[in-house]
Structure formats: structure tokens, C-alpha cells
Amino acid sequence: MGDIKDVIPLICEMSEDRRIPRNIRAMIKEAADALQKEDESDVVKLSTAINLLEESSNDPNIAAFSRTEIWNAVSMLESLQSDLE
């Protein structure tokens, strides 16, 4: 994985998936927006997005396939985060 910009399209795609409940899509969109903030450091962007995605994946109303997609995105972001440390 190379850069935060590589993960943003995946997260944006999930935020538009109508199979995912609206409240969870809103949290996913918030995570995508956090990654695109110009005035934050990469560490803060990643931490914010990871927390939002993890919280959204814990919602009992989310389908298993959607939860897996979120976990994949979290894994990519955690990999980027560990590269920064």
C-alpha cells in the first residue's frame, strides 16, 4: 500500500453503497472526509478514520459482507499508520 489517497476511493465507494444502512454510510463518509483534510497530519487523519470505521463495523445492523469490506479498509489504513511510526 502506498498512500492515503489510494484508500480514499474504496472508502468513498462504501459510503455510497445502498446495501449499507444510512447511519453507517454517514460514518464511513465522515472517515473519508477525515482522510481528505488538508490541515491535519497523516497520523491524525489515519487515527480518526480508523476509529470511525471500527465503530461503524460494530453496528449490529450491518451485513457480514459490508463488515468485511470495512475491516479490509481498516487493515489498509493500519498498515499505512504503522509505516508512519
PDB file of N, CA and C in Angstrom:
ATOM      1  N   MET A   1       0.849  -1.176   0.000  1.00  0.00           N
ATOM      2  CA  MET A   1       0.000   0.000   0.000  1.00  0.00           C
ATOM      3  C   MET A   1       0.885   1.226   0.000  1.00  0.00           C
ATOM      4  N   GLY A   2       0.494   2.209  -0.763  1.00  0.00           N
ATOM      5  CA  GLY A   2       1.378   3.338  -0.888  1.00  0.00           C
ATOM      6  C   GLY A   2       0.989   4.577  -0.121  1.00  0.00           C
ATOM      7  N   ASP A   3      -0.263   5.003  -0.241  1.00  0.00           N
ATOM      8  CA  ASP A   3      -0.615   6.329   0.229  1.00  0.00           C
ATOM      9  C   ASP A   3      -2.076   6.365   0.681  1.00  0.00           C
ATOM     10  N   ILE A   4      -2.391   7.362   1.482  1.00  0.00           N
ATOM     11  CA  ILE A   4      -3.767   7.550   1.930  1.00  0.00           C
ATOM     12  C   ILE A   4      -4.694   7.717   0.729  1.00  0.00           C
ATOM     13  N   LYS A   5      -4.219   8.416  -0.277  1.00  0.00           N
ATOM     14  CA  LYS A   5      -5.042   8.682  -1.466  1.00  0.00           C
ATOM     15  C   LYS A   5      -5.463   7.402  -2.180  1.00  0.00           C
ATOM     16  N   ASP A   6      -4.739   6.323  -1.964  1.00  0.00           N
ATOM     17  CA  ASP A   6      -5.085   5.045  -2.585  1.00  0.00           C
ATOM     18  C   ASP A   6      -6.296   4.385  -1.912  1.00  0.00           C
ATOM     19  N   VAL A   7      -6.532   4.706  -0.651  1.00  0.00           N
ATOM     20  CA  VAL A   7      -7.607   4.075   0.119  1.00  0.00           C
ATOM     21  C   VAL A   7      -8.904   4.883   0.038  1.00  0.00           C
ATOM     22  N   ILE A   8      -8.804   6.172  -0.192  1.00  0.00           N
ATOM     23  CA  ILE A   8      -9.977   7.048  -0.196  1.00  0.00           C
ATOM     24  C   ILE A   8     -11.058   6.584  -1.177  1.00  0.00           C
ATOM     25  N   PRO A   9     -10.725   6.216  -2.435  1.00  0.00           N
ATOM     26  CA  PRO A   9     -11.796   5.770  -3.349  1.00  0.00           C
ATOM     27  C   PRO A   9     -12.563   4.554  -2.835  1.00  0.00           C
ATOM     28  N   LEU A  10     -11.868   3.622  -2.204  1.00  0.00           N
ATOM     29  CA  LEU A  10     -12.518   2.436  -1.642  1.00  0.00           C
ATOM     30  C   LEU A  10     -13.523   2.836  -0.556  1.00  0.00           C
ATOM     31  N   ILE A  11     -13.110   3.736   0.314  1.00  0.00           N
ATOM     32  CA  ILE A  11     -13.976   4.174   1.405  1.00  0.00           C
ATOM     33  C   ILE A  11     -15.152   4.985   0.858  1.00  0.00           C
ATOM     34  N   CYS A  12     -14.892   5.835  -0.127  1.00  0.00           N
ATOM     35  CA  CYS A  12     -15.977   6.614  -0.738  1.00  0.00           C
ATOM     36  C   CYS A  12     -16.998   5.695  -1.406  1.00  0.00           C
ATOM     37  N   GLU A  13     -16.515   4.652  -2.040  1.00  0.00           N
ATOM     38  CA  GLU A  13     -17.407   3.690  -2.682  1.00  0.00           C
ATOM     39  C   GLU A  13     -18.325   3.034  -1.645  1.00  0.00           C
ATOM     40  N   MET A  14     -17.758   2.664  -0.507  1.00  0.00           N
ATOM     41  CA  MET A  14     -18.577   2.072   0.557  1.00  0.00           C
ATOM     42  C   MET A  14     -19.600   3.072   1.080  1.00  0.00           C
ATOM     43  N   SER A  15     -19.228   4.350   1.140  1.00  0.00           N
ATOM     44  CA  SER A  15     -20.148   5.364   1.674  1.00  0.00           C
ATOM     45  C   SER A  15     -21.344   5.590   0.758  1.00  0.00           C
ATOM     46  N   GLU A  16     -21.267   5.108  -0.477  1.00  0.00           N
ATOM     47  CA  GLU A  16     -22.366   5.260  -1.432  1.00  0.00           C
ATOM     48  C   GLU A  16     -23.128   3.957  -1.670  1.00  0.00           C
ATOM     49  N   ASP A  17     -22.731   2.887  -0.994  1.00  0.00           N
ATOM     50  CA  ASP A  17     -23.356   1.575  -1.166  1.00  0.00           C
ATOM     51  C   ASP A  17     -24.706   1.538  -0.449  1.00  0.00           C
ATOM     52  N   ARG A  18     -25.768   1.445  -1.211  1.00  0.00           N
ATOM     53  CA  ARG A  18     -27.128   1.473  -0.658  1.00  0.00           C
ATOM     54  C   ARG A  18     -27.470   0.229   0.159  1.00  0.00           C
ATOM     55  N   ARG A  19     -26.648  -0.809   0.079  1.00  0.00           N
ATOM     56  CA  ARG A  19     -26.891  -2.005   0.887  1.00  0.00           C
ATOM     57  C   ARG A  19     -26.475  -1.796   2.333  1.00  0.00           C
ATOM     58  N   ILE A  20     -25.695  -0.757   2.576  1.00  0.00           N
ATOM     59  CA  ILE A  20     -25.232  -0.421   3.926  1.00  0.00           C
ATOM     60  C   ILE A  20     -26.214   0.584   4.528  1.00  0.00           C
ATOM     61  N   PRO A  21     -26.648   0.378   5.773  1.00  0.00           N
ATOM     62  CA  PRO A  21     -27.594   1.312   6.400  1.00  0.00           C
ATOM     63  C   PRO A  21     -27.077   2.760   6.386  1.00  0.00           C
ATOM     64  N   ARG A  22     -28.006   3.696   6.278  1.00  0.00           N
ATOM     65  CA  ARG A  22     -27.673   5.115   6.118  1.00  0.00           C
ATOM     66  C   ARG A  22     -26.770   5.654   7.233  1.00  0.00           C
ATOM     67  N   ASN A  23     -27.050   5.291   8.476  1.00  0.00           N
ATOM     68  CA  ASN A  23     -26.239   5.815   9.581  1.00  0.00           C
ATOM     69  C   ASN A  23     -24.790   5.323   9.495  1.00  0.00           C
ATOM     70  N   ILE A  24     -24.604   4.116   9.019  1.00  0.00           N
ATOM     71  CA  ILE A  24     -23.253   3.570   8.877  1.00  0.00           C
ATOM     72  C   ILE A  24     -22.554   4.232   7.686  1.00  0.00           C
ATOM     73  N   ARG A  25     -23.296   4.436   6.597  1.00  0.00           N
ATOM     74  CA  ARG A  25     -22.727   5.138   5.434  1.00  0.00           C
ATOM     75  C   ARG A  25     -22.264   6.533   5.830  1.00  0.00           C
ATOM     76  N   ALA A  26     -23.016   7.193   6.698  1.00  0.00           N
ATOM     77  CA  ALA A  26     -22.642   8.534   7.155  1.00  0.00           C
ATOM     78  C   ALA A  26     -21.318   8.495   7.911  1.00  0.00           C
ATOM     79  N   MET A  27     -21.122   7.478   8.739  1.00  0.00           N
ATOM     80  CA  MET A  27     -19.855   7.349   9.475  1.00  0.00           C
ATOM     81  C   MET A  27     -18.701   7.046   8.522  1.00  0.00           C
ATOM     82  N   ILE A  28     -18.969   6.226   7.521  1.00  0.00           N
ATOM     83  CA  ILE A  28     -17.942   5.889   6.537  1.00  0.00           C
ATOM     84  C   ILE A  28     -17.564   7.140   5.738  1.00  0.00           C
ATOM     85  N   LYS A  29     -18.568   7.939   5.383  1.00  0.00           N
ATOM     86  CA  LYS A  29     -18.318   9.197   4.655  1.00  0.00           C
ATOM     87  C   LYS A  29     -17.493  10.132   5.522  1.00  0.00           C
ATOM     88  N   GLU A  30     -17.800  10.177   6.801  1.00  0.00           N
ATOM     89  CA  GLU A  30     -17.041  11.014   7.738  1.00  0.00           C
ATOM     90  C   GLU A  30     -15.572  10.564   7.789  1.00  0.00           C
ATOM     91  N   ALA A  31     -15.344   9.260   7.731  1.00  0.00           N
ATOM     92  CA  ALA A  31     -13.974   8.730   7.715  1.00  0.00           C
ATOM     93  C   ALA A  31     -13.258   9.162   6.436  1.00  0.00           C
ATOM     94  N   ALA A  32     -13.952   9.093   5.302  1.00  0.00           N
ATOM     95  CA  ALA A  32     -13.355   9.525   4.033  1.00  0.00           C
ATOM     96  C   ALA A  32     -13.024  11.013   4.077  1.00  0.00           C
ATOM     97  N   ASP A  33     -13.935  11.800   4.636  1.00  0.00           N
ATOM     98  CA  ASP A  33     -13.697  13.244   4.754  1.00  0.00           C
ATOM     99  C   ASP A  33     -12.499  13.527   5.654  1.00  0.00           C
ATOM    100  N   ALA A  34     -12.362  12.761   6.735  1.00  0.00           N
ATOM    101  CA  ALA A  34     -11.228  12.948   7.656  1.00  0.00           C
ATOM    102  C   ALA A  34      -9.908  12.701   6.940  1.00  0.00           C
ATOM    103  N   LEU A  35      -9.890  11.718   6.049  1.00  0.00           N
ATOM    104  CA  LEU A  35      -8.659  11.401   5.324  1.00  0.00           C
ATOM    105  C   LEU A  35      -8.286  12.483   4.315  1.00  0.00           C
ATOM    106  N   GLN A  36      -9.251  13.292   3.926  1.00  0.00           N
ATOM    107  CA  GLN A  36      -9.006  14.309   2.911  1.00  0.00           C
ATOM    108  C   GLN A  36      -8.728  15.694   3.488  1.00  0.00           C
ATOM    109  N   LYS A  37      -8.745  15.821   4.800  1.00  0.00           N
ATOM    110  CA  LYS A  37      -8.490  17.125   5.423  1.00  0.00           C
ATOM    111  C   LYS A  37      -7.056  17.560   5.142  1.00  0.00           C
ATOM    112  N   GLU A  38      -6.926  18.781   4.668  1.00  0.00           N
ATOM    113  CA  GLU A  38      -5.608  19.315   4.341  1.00  0.00           C
ATOM    114  C   GLU A  38      -4.855  19.802   5.582  1.00  0.00           C
ATOM    115  N   ASP A  39      -5.591  20.215   6.601  1.00  0.00           N
ATOM    116  CA  ASP A  39      -4.971  20.855   7.756  1.00  0.00           C
ATOM    117  C   ASP A  39      -4.618  19.898   8.889  1.00  0.00           C
ATOM    118  N   GLU A  40      -4.702  18.599   8.643  1.00  0.00           N
ATOM    119  CA  GLU A  40      -4.379  17.601   9.665  1.00  0.00           C
ATOM    120  C   GLU A  40      -3.143  16.804   9.243  1.00  0.00           C
ATOM    121  N   SER A  41      -2.422  16.296  10.222  1.00  0.00           N
ATOM    122  CA  SER A  41      -1.281  15.427   9.912  1.00  0.00           C
ATOM    123  C   SER A  41      -1.805  14.061   9.492  1.00  0.00           C
ATOM    124  N   ASP A  42      -0.982  13.299   8.794  1.00  0.00           N
ATOM    125  CA  ASP A  42      -1.394  11.971   8.349  1.00  0.00           C
ATOM    126  C   ASP A  42      -1.735  11.069   9.528  1.00  0.00           C
ATOM    127  N   VAL A  43      -1.011  11.205  10.618  1.00  0.00           N
ATOM    128  CA  VAL A  43      -1.268  10.375  11.798  1.00  0.00           C
ATOM    129  C   VAL A  43      -2.668  10.638  12.344  1.00  0.00           C
ATOM    130  N   VAL A  44      -3.050  11.901  12.426  1.00  0.00           N
ATOM    131  CA  VAL A  44      -4.377  12.264  12.935  1.00  0.00           C
ATOM    132  C   VAL A  44      -5.455  11.792  11.964  1.00  0.00           C
ATOM    133  N   LYS A  45      -5.237  11.991  10.667  1.00  0.00           N
ATOM    134  CA  LYS A  45      -6.200  11.549   9.653  1.00  0.00           C
ATOM    135  C   LYS A  45      -6.452  10.049   9.766  1.00  0.00           C
ATOM    136  N   LEU A  46      -5.373   9.281   9.843  1.00  0.00           N
ATOM    137  CA  LEU A  46      -5.496   7.827   9.910  1.00  0.00           C
ATOM    138  C   LEU A  46      -6.187   7.379  11.186  1.00  0.00           C
ATOM    139  N   SER A  47      -5.801   7.950  12.303  1.00  0.00           N
ATOM    140  CA  SER A  47      -6.409   7.573  13.592  1.00  0.00           C
ATOM    141  C   SER A  47      -7.908   7.861  13.596  1.00  0.00           C
ATOM    142  N   THR A  48      -8.280   9.027  13.104  1.00  0.00           N
ATOM    143  CA  THR A  48      -9.694   9.399  13.057  1.00  0.00           C
ATOM    144  C   THR A  48     -10.479   8.442  12.173  1.00  0.00           C
ATOM    145  N   ALA A  49      -9.964   8.188  10.973  1.00  0.00           N
ATOM    146  CA  ALA A  49     -10.660   7.314  10.027  1.00  0.00           C
ATOM    147  C   ALA A  49     -10.767   5.887  10.571  1.00  0.00           C
ATOM    148  N   ILE A  50      -9.699   5.385  11.156  1.00  0.00           N
ATOM    149  CA  ILE A  50      -9.723   4.028  11.707  1.00  0.00           C
ATOM    150  C   ILE A  50     -10.766   3.921  12.814  1.00  0.00           C
ATOM    151  N   ASN A  51     -10.797   4.897  13.704  1.00  0.00           N
ATOM    152  CA  ASN A  51     -11.777   4.869  14.794  1.00  0.00           C
ATOM    153  C   ASN A  51     -13.212   4.892  14.268  1.00  0.00           C
ATOM    154  N   LEU A  52     -13.471   5.742  13.286  1.00  0.00           N
ATOM    155  CA  LEU A  52     -14.823   5.825  12.725  1.00  0.00           C
ATOM    156  C   LEU A  52     -15.219   4.523  12.029  1.00  0.00           C
ATOM    157  N   LEU A  53     -14.299   3.967  11.269  1.00  0.00           N
ATOM    158  CA  LEU A  53     -14.604   2.721  10.558  1.00  0.00           C
ATOM    159  C   LEU A  53     -14.802   1.557  11.522  1.00  0.00           C
ATOM    160  N   GLU A  54     -13.961   1.481  12.558  1.00  0.00           N
ATOM    161  CA  GLU A  54     -14.128   0.410  13.539  1.00  0.00           C
ATOM    162  C   GLU A  54     -15.464   0.536  14.258  1.00  0.00           C
ATOM    163  N   GLU A  55     -15.831   1.756  14.589  1.00  0.00           N
ATOM    164  CA  GLU A  55     -17.113   1.975  15.259  1.00  0.00           C
ATOM    165  C   GLU A  55     -18.270   1.568  14.343  1.00  0.00           C
ATOM    166  N   SER A  56     -18.171   1.914  13.064  1.00  0.00           N
ATOM    167  CA  SER A  56     -19.245   1.561  12.129  1.00  0.00           C
ATOM    168  C   SER A  56     -19.331   0.054  11.908  1.00  0.00           C
ATOM    169  N   SER A  57     -18.201  -0.635  11.961  1.00  0.00           N
ATOM    170  CA  SER A  57     -18.220  -2.087  11.742  1.00  0.00           C
ATOM    171  C   SER A  57     -18.839  -2.842  12.912  1.00  0.00           C
ATOM    172  N   ASN A  58     -18.948  -2.194  14.063  1.00  0.00           N
ATOM    173  CA  ASN A  58     -19.533  -2.829  15.245  1.00  0.00           C
ATOM    174  C   ASN A  58     -21.050  -2.709  15.305  1.00  0.00           C
ATOM    175  N   ASP A  59     -21.636  -1.987  14.354  1.00  0.00           N
ATOM    176  CA  ASP A  59     -23.088  -1.825  14.333  1.00  0.00           C
ATOM    177  C   ASP A  59     -23.747  -3.173  14.043  1.00  0.00           C
ATOM    178  N   PRO A  60     -24.723  -3.576  14.835  1.00  0.00           N
ATOM    179  CA  PRO A  60     -25.353  -4.891  14.628  1.00  0.00           C
ATOM    180  C   PRO A  60     -26.200  -4.978  13.356  1.00  0.00           C
ATOM    181  N   ASN A  61     -26.533  -3.844  12.752  1.00  0.00           N
ATOM    182  CA  ASN A  61     -27.385  -3.845  11.561  1.00  0.00           C
ATOM    183  C   ASN A  61     -26.621  -3.993  10.253  1.00  0.00           C
ATOM    184  N   ILE A  62     -25.313  -4.103  10.316  1.00  0.00           N
ATOM    185  CA  ILE A  62     -24.524  -4.177   9.088  1.00  0.00           C
ATOM    186  C   ILE A  62     -24.393  -5.637   8.640  1.00  0.00           C
ATOM    187  N   ALA A  63     -24.472  -5.829   7.331  1.00  0.00           N
ATOM    188  CA  ALA A  63     -24.335  -7.178   6.766  1.00  0.00           C
ATOM    189  C   ALA A  63     -22.882  -7.641   6.852  1.00  0.00           C
ATOM    190  N   ALA A  64     -22.706  -8.945   6.884  1.00  0.00           N
ATOM    191  CA  ALA A  64     -21.356  -9.518   7.035  1.00  0.00           C
ATOM    192  C   ALA A  64     -20.421  -9.075   5.915  1.00  0.00           C
ATOM    193  N   PHE A  65     -20.903  -9.058   4.669  1.00  0.00           N
ATOM    194  CA  PHE A  65     -20.029  -8.673   3.560  1.00  0.00           C
ATOM    195  C   PHE A  65     -19.594  -7.213   3.683  1.00  0.00           C
ATOM    196  N   SER A  66     -20.473  -6.343   4.186  1.00  0.00           N
ATOM    197  CA  SER A  66     -20.123  -4.936   4.368  1.00  0.00           C
ATOM    198  C   SER A  66     -19.121  -4.773   5.506  1.00  0.00           C
ATOM    199  N   ARG A  67     -19.327  -5.546   6.565  1.00  0.00           N
ATOM    200  CA  ARG A  67     -18.393  -5.510   7.690  1.00  0.00           C
ATOM    201  C   ARG A  67     -16.997  -5.929   7.221  1.00  0.00           C
ATOM    202  N   THR A  68     -16.933  -6.945   6.366  1.00  0.00           N
ATOM    203  CA  THR A  68     -15.648  -7.408   5.839  1.00  0.00           C
ATOM    204  C   THR A  68     -14.981  -6.325   5.001  1.00  0.00           C
ATOM    205  N   GLU A  69     -15.757  -5.615   4.189  1.00  0.00           N
ATOM    206  CA  GLU A  69     -15.207  -4.525   3.389  1.00  0.00           C
ATOM    207  C   GLU A  69     -14.618  -3.438   4.288  1.00  0.00           C
ATOM    208  N   ILE A  70     -15.333  -3.123   5.361  1.00  0.00           N
ATOM    209  CA  ILE A  70     -14.846  -2.108   6.297  1.00  0.00           C
ATOM    210  C   ILE A  70     -13.558  -2.581   6.962  1.00  0.00           C
ATOM    211  N   TRP A  71     -13.535  -3.842   7.380  1.00  0.00           N
ATOM    212  CA  TRP A  71     -12.316  -4.376   8.010  1.00  0.00           C
ATOM    213  C   TRP A  71     -11.131  -4.326   7.052  1.00  0.00           C
ATOM    214  N   ASN A  72     -11.373  -4.590   5.771  1.00  0.00           N
ATOM    215  CA  ASN A  72     -10.294  -4.513   4.784  1.00  0.00           C
ATOM    216  C   ASN A  72      -9.744  -3.091   4.697  1.00  0.00           C
ATOM    217  N   ALA A  73     -10.644  -2.109   4.690  1.00  0.00           N
ATOM    218  CA  ALA A  73     -10.205  -0.713   4.646  1.00  0.00           C
ATOM    219  C   ALA A  73      -9.425  -0.355   5.908  1.00  0.00           C
ATOM    220  N   VAL A  74      -9.911  -0.818   7.060  1.00  0.00           N
ATOM    221  CA  VAL A  74      -9.213  -0.559   8.327  1.00  0.00           C
ATOM    222  C   VAL A  74      -7.814  -1.174   8.281  1.00  0.00           C
ATOM    223  N   SER A  75      -7.722  -2.381   7.765  1.00  0.00           N
ATOM    224  CA  SER A  75      -6.427  -3.050   7.662  1.00  0.00           C
ATOM    225  C   SER A  75      -5.461  -2.244   6.804  1.00  0.00           C
ATOM    226  N   MET A  76      -5.943  -1.721   5.686  1.00  0.00           N
ATOM    227  CA  MET A  76      -5.085  -0.897   4.818  1.00  0.00           C
ATOM    228  C   MET A  76      -4.627   0.361   5.547  1.00  0.00           C
ATOM    229  N   LEU A  77      -5.558   0.994   6.255  1.00  0.00           N
ATOM    230  CA  LEU A  77      -5.211   2.216   6.983  1.00  0.00           C
ATOM    231  C   LEU A  77      -4.235   1.924   8.122  1.00  0.00           C
ATOM    232  N   GLU A  78      -4.426   0.813   8.813  1.00  0.00           N
ATOM    233  CA  GLU A  78      -3.495   0.450   9.885  1.00  0.00           C
ATOM    234  C   GLU A  78      -2.106   0.168   9.342  1.00  0.00           C
ATOM    235  N   SER A  79      -2.038  -0.404   8.154  1.00  0.00           N
ATOM    236  CA  SER A  79      -0.749  -0.651   7.511  1.00  0.00           C
ATOM    237  C   SER A  79      -0.047   0.671   7.216  1.00  0.00           C
ATOM    238  N   LEU A  80      -0.802   1.629   6.697  1.00  0.00           N
ATOM    239  CA  LEU A  80      -0.232   2.959   6.436  1.00  0.00           C
ATOM    240  C   LEU A  80       0.216   3.610   7.740  1.00  0.00           C
ATOM    241  N   GLN A  81      -0.595   3.433   8.778  1.00  0.00           N
ATOM    242  CA  GLN A  81      -0.279   4.016  10.076  1.00  0.00           C
ATOM    243  C   GLN A  81       1.008   3.431  10.642  1.00  0.00           C
ATOM    244  N   SER A  82       1.198   2.134  10.503  1.00  0.00           N
ATOM    245  CA  SER A  82       2.411   1.513  11.020  1.00  0.00           C
ATOM    246  C   SER A  82       3.642   1.939  10.212  1.00  0.00           C
ATOM    247  N   ASP A  83       3.449   2.245   8.943  1.00  0.00           N
ATOM    248  CA  ASP A  83       4.558   2.756   8.128  1.00  0.00           C
ATOM    249  C   ASP A  83       5.018   4.129   8.596  1.00  0.00           C
ATOM    250  N   LEU A  84       4.099   4.906   9.167  1.00  0.00           N
ATOM    251  CA  LEU A  84       4.437   6.250   9.640  1.00  0.00           C
ATOM    252  C   LEU A  84       5.160   6.223  10.983  1.00  0.00           C
ATOM    253  N   GLU A  85       4.973   5.162  11.738  1.00  0.00           N
ATOM    254  CA  GLU A  85       5.555   5.092  13.093  1.00  0.00           C
ATOM    255  C   GLU A  85       6.991   4.682  13.087  1.00  0.00           C
TER     256      GLU A  85
END
